[in-house]
């Protein structure tokens, strides 16, 4: 399994565990905040590598946000 896949699974699991500890609304709002921060960072990127990194983080935050909704089931 690629290292990036393992990282994403670990991130999703930690946010789902965090939602159990802190409350689902708090964890969901945290992922929405991260999504907005990384989106703003992507819009302000002035080099291509920075844009790629910001879009990767943005996609990761969106993926965690969607998986956090799945934790509610």
C-alpha atoms as a PDB file:
ATOM      1  CA  UNK A   1       0.000   0.000   0.000  1.00  0.00           C
ATOM      2  CA  UNK A   2       1.456   3.419  -0.919  1.00  0.00           C
ATOM      3  CA  UNK A   3       2.560   5.661   1.931  1.00  0.00           C
ATOM      4  CA  UNK A   4       0.112   8.395   0.935  1.00  0.00           C
ATOM      5  CA  UNK A   5      -2.794   5.969   1.238  1.00  0.00           C
ATOM      6  CA  UNK A   6      -1.633   4.946   4.690  1.00  0.00           C
ATOM      7  CA  UNK A   7      -1.345   8.604   5.668  1.00  0.00           C
ATOM      8  CA  UNK A   8      -4.894   9.352   4.504  1.00  0.00           C
ATOM      9  CA  UNK A   9      -6.296   6.336   6.367  1.00  0.00           C
ATOM     10  CA  UNK A  10      -4.489   7.428   9.535  1.00  0.00           C
ATOM     11  CA  UNK A  11      -5.780  10.990   9.142  1.00  0.00           C
ATOM     12  CA  UNK A  12      -9.350   9.808   8.632  1.00  0.00           C
ATOM     13  CA  UNK A  13      -9.157   7.494  11.637  1.00  0.00           C
ATOM     14  CA  UNK A  14      -7.750  10.213  13.858  1.00  0.00           C
ATOM     15  CA  UNK A  15     -10.523  12.633  12.908  1.00  0.00           C
ATOM     16  CA  UNK A  16     -13.175   9.977  13.501  1.00  0.00           C
ATOM     17  CA  UNK A  17     -11.644   9.247  16.917  1.00  0.00           C
ATOM     18  CA  UNK A  18     -11.434  12.964  17.567  1.00  0.00           C
ATOM     19  CA  UNK A  19     -15.078  13.336  16.734  1.00  0.00           C
ATOM     20  CA  UNK A  20     -15.895  10.758  19.389  1.00  0.00           C
ATOM     21  CA  UNK A  21     -13.779  12.583  21.964  1.00  0.00           C
ATOM     22  CA  UNK A  22     -14.544  16.224  21.139  1.00  0.00           C
ATOM     23  CA  UNK A  23     -17.969  15.902  19.599  1.00  0.00           C
ATOM     24  CA  UNK A  24     -18.932  15.434  16.002  1.00  0.00           C
ATOM     25  CA  UNK A  25     -19.882  19.051  15.415  1.00  0.00           C
ATOM     26  CA  UNK A  26     -16.509  20.314  16.632  1.00  0.00           C
ATOM     27  CA  UNK A  27     -14.582  17.846  14.479  1.00  0.00           C
ATOM     28  CA  UNK A  28     -16.739  18.625  11.433  1.00  0.00           C
ATOM     29  CA  UNK A  29     -16.293  22.384  11.912  1.00  0.00           C
ATOM     30  CA  UNK A  30     -12.530  21.870  12.259  1.00  0.00           C
ATOM     31  CA  UNK A  31     -12.396  20.105   8.892  1.00  0.00           C
ATOM     32  CA  UNK A  32     -14.447  22.885   7.296  1.00  0.00           C
ATOM     33  CA  UNK A  33     -12.032  25.437   8.749  1.00  0.00           C
ATOM     34  CA  UNK A  34      -9.046  23.516   7.362  1.00  0.00           C
ATOM     35  CA  UNK A  35     -10.740  23.311   3.968  1.00  0.00           C
ATOM     36  CA  UNK A  36     -11.241  27.083   3.874  1.00  0.00           C
ATOM     37  CA  UNK A  37      -7.665  27.800   5.025  1.00  0.00           C
ATOM     38  CA  UNK A  38      -6.154  25.523   2.394  1.00  0.00           C
ATOM     39  CA  UNK A  39      -8.482  26.973  -0.258  1.00  0.00           C
ATOM     40  CA  UNK A  40      -7.308  30.492   0.546  1.00  0.00           C
ATOM     41  CA  UNK A  41      -3.703  29.282   0.572  1.00  0.00           C
ATOM     42  CA  UNK A  42      -4.231  27.743  -2.884  1.00  0.00           C
ATOM     43  CA  UNK A  43      -5.654  30.985  -4.222  1.00  0.00           C
ATOM     44  CA  UNK A  44      -2.634  32.921  -2.930  1.00  0.00           C
ATOM     45  CA  UNK A  45      -0.009  30.458  -4.210  1.00  0.00           C
ATOM     46  CA  UNK A  46       2.529  32.196  -6.414  1.00  0.00           C
ATOM     47  CA  UNK A  47       4.516  29.131  -7.508  1.00  0.00           C
ATOM     48  CA  UNK A  48       3.392  25.878  -9.051  1.00  0.00           C
ATOM     49  CA  UNK A  49       4.866  23.632  -6.313  1.00  0.00           C
ATOM     50  CA  UNK A  50       3.107  25.681  -3.623  1.00  0.00           C
ATOM     51  CA  UNK A  51      -0.138  25.424  -5.575  1.00  0.00           C
ATOM     52  CA  UNK A  52       0.244  21.645  -5.846  1.00  0.00           C
ATOM     53  CA  UNK A  53       0.924  21.334  -2.116  1.00  0.00           C
ATOM     54  CA  UNK A  54      -2.023  23.572  -1.226  1.00  0.00           C
ATOM     55  CA  UNK A  55      -4.382  21.644  -3.521  1.00  0.00           C
ATOM     56  CA  UNK A  56      -3.192  18.362  -2.028  1.00  0.00           C
ATOM     57  CA  UNK A  57      -3.936  19.653   1.473  1.00  0.00           C
ATOM     58  CA  UNK A  58      -7.268  21.039   0.287  1.00  0.00           C
ATOM     59  CA  UNK A  59      -8.262  17.695  -1.188  1.00  0.00           C
ATOM     60  CA  UNK A  60      -7.150  15.928   1.971  1.00  0.00           C
ATOM     61  CA  UNK A  61      -9.237  18.245   4.139  1.00  0.00           C
ATOM     62  CA  UNK A  62     -12.285  17.716   1.924  1.00  0.00           C
ATOM     63  CA  UNK A  63     -11.782  13.948   2.071  1.00  0.00           C
ATOM     64  CA  UNK A  64     -11.546  14.006   5.856  1.00  0.00           C
ATOM     65  CA  UNK A  65     -14.624  16.212   6.006  1.00  0.00           C
ATOM     66  CA  UNK A  66     -16.613  13.738   3.920  1.00  0.00           C
ATOM     67  CA  UNK A  67     -15.369  10.772   5.946  1.00  0.00           C
ATOM     68  CA  UNK A  68     -16.260  12.649   9.131  1.00  0.00           C
ATOM     69  CA  UNK A  69     -19.851  12.781   7.903  1.00  0.00           C
ATOM     70  CA  UNK A  70     -19.666   9.003   7.380  1.00  0.00           C
ATOM     71  CA  UNK A  71     -18.584   8.628  11.018  1.00  0.00           C
ATOM     72  CA  UNK A  72     -22.034   9.867  12.053  1.00  0.00           C
ATOM     73  CA  UNK A  73     -23.661   6.674  10.816  1.00  0.00           C
END
